[in-house]
Amino acid sequence: MDMSEETATPIAAEGTYSTYLVQKGDSLWSIAAKPEIYGKATQWRRIFEANRDLLKSPDQLRAGMTLRIHRTEQQPSDSEPLTYSDEDVSYRK
């Protein structure tokens, strides 16, 4: 294979993204906790990792920034119970 044919796979290829406009008083923790985002504050690292080009550390969040929010290909439907795991403990909503 010719080296010119090699291209980097974009991050978005693993899923899709939506955006969130940071409000005064927001933190990655509080944004992740919002039901329309992840509904779980401990998922703040997902937001941080998706925005490493904007944020060198989690405390650099500023009002007015537009963050990418990673969305998976399949979102659970309202009729399906949500299941998530955190450090070897599973929960159902």
Protein backbone atom coordinates (compact mmCIF):
# COMPACT_ATOMS: atom_id res chain seq x y z
CA MET A 1 0.00 0.00 0.00
CA ASP A 2 1.27 3.45 -0.93
CA MET A 3 1.94 5.71 2.11
CA SER A 4 -0.06 8.49 0.43
CA GLU A 5 -3.17 6.32 0.70
CA GLU A 6 -2.92 6.09 4.50
CA THR A 7 -5.18 8.48 6.32
CA ALA A 8 -6.00 8.91 9.98
CA THR A 9 -9.42 7.73 11.05
CA PRO A 10 -11.43 10.68 12.38
CA ILE A 11 -12.71 10.41 15.96
CA ALA A 12 -16.27 10.88 14.71
CA ALA A 13 -16.03 7.55 12.88
CA GLU A 14 -16.51 5.80 16.24
CA GLY A 15 -19.84 7.53 16.79
CA THR A 16 -21.54 10.83 16.39
CA TYR A 17 -21.27 14.07 18.29
CA SER A 18 -23.68 16.74 19.44
CA THR A 19 -22.63 20.07 20.93
CA TYR A 20 -23.16 21.82 24.24
CA LEU A 21 -22.71 25.53 24.92
CA VAL A 22 -21.03 25.98 28.31
CA GLN A 23 -22.97 28.19 30.72
CA LYS A 24 -21.64 30.22 33.65
CA GLY A 25 -21.13 27.89 36.63
CA ASP A 26 -20.90 24.71 34.53
CA SER A 27 -18.26 22.06 35.17
CA LEU A 28 -17.56 18.89 33.23
CA TRP A 29 -19.07 17.02 36.19
CA SER A 30 -22.32 19.05 36.12
CA ILE A 31 -22.61 18.87 32.33
CA ALA A 32 -22.18 15.07 32.32
CA ALA A 33 -24.85 14.78 35.04
CA LYS A 34 -27.50 16.47 32.89
CA PRO A 35 -30.11 13.92 31.76
CA GLU A 36 -29.85 15.09 28.15
CA ILE A 37 -26.06 14.60 28.19
CA TYR A 38 -25.12 11.36 30.03
CA GLY A 39 -27.25 11.50 33.19
CA LYS A 40 -24.23 10.52 35.24
CA ALA A 41 -21.64 12.96 36.57
CA THR A 42 -18.84 10.38 36.62
CA GLN A 43 -18.95 10.35 32.80
CA TRP A 44 -17.23 13.79 32.73
CA ARG A 45 -14.06 12.18 31.33
CA ARG A 46 -15.91 11.33 28.10
CA ILE A 47 -16.53 15.06 27.56
CA PHE A 48 -12.94 15.91 28.49
CA GLU A 49 -11.47 13.33 26.09
CA ALA A 50 -13.73 14.46 23.22
CA ASN A 51 -12.51 18.05 23.72
CA ARG A 52 -8.79 17.60 24.38
CA ASP A 53 -8.08 20.08 21.58
CA LEU A 54 -9.89 22.78 23.60
CA LEU A 55 -9.13 21.67 27.14
CA LYS A 56 -5.63 20.88 28.33
CA SER A 57 -7.04 20.20 31.81
CA PRO A 58 -10.61 19.79 33.12
CA ASP A 59 -10.51 23.09 35.01
CA GLN A 60 -10.04 25.16 31.83
CA LEU A 61 -13.78 25.14 31.08
CA ARG A 62 -15.13 28.63 30.36
CA ALA A 63 -18.64 29.99 29.71
CA GLY A 64 -19.28 30.39 25.99
CA MET A 65 -17.18 27.39 24.88
CA THR A 66 -18.86 24.90 22.57
CA LEU A 67 -18.07 21.33 23.59
CA ARG A 68 -18.45 18.15 21.56
CA ILE A 69 -20.56 15.50 23.30
CA HIS A 70 -19.85 11.98 22.09
CA ARG A 71 -22.99 10.03 21.20
CA THR A 72 -22.91 6.32 20.49
CA GLU A 73 -24.47 4.90 17.36
CA GLN A 74 -27.26 3.27 19.37
CA GLN A 75 -29.01 5.26 22.05
CA PRO A 76 -31.26 3.25 24.40
CA SER A 77 -34.96 3.75 23.79
CA ASP A 78 -37.22 5.13 26.51
CA SER A 79 -38.75 1.69 27.01
CA GLU A 80 -35.40 -0.04 27.62
CA PRO A 81 -33.94 0.16 31.14
CA LEU A 82 -30.57 1.89 31.28
CA THR A 83 -27.72 -0.22 32.61
CA TYR A 84 -24.30 1.13 33.40
CA SER A 85 -21.28 -0.01 35.31
CA ASP A 86 -18.93 1.92 37.53
CA GLU A 87 -15.91 0.21 39.07
CA ASP A 88 -17.29 -3.32 39.13
CA VAL A 89 -20.74 -2.26 40.40
CA SER A 90 -23.66 -2.47 37.96
CA TYR A 91 -26.75 -0.33 38.24
CA ARG A 92 -30.13 -0.29 36.52
CA LYS A 93 -32.29 2.76 36.17
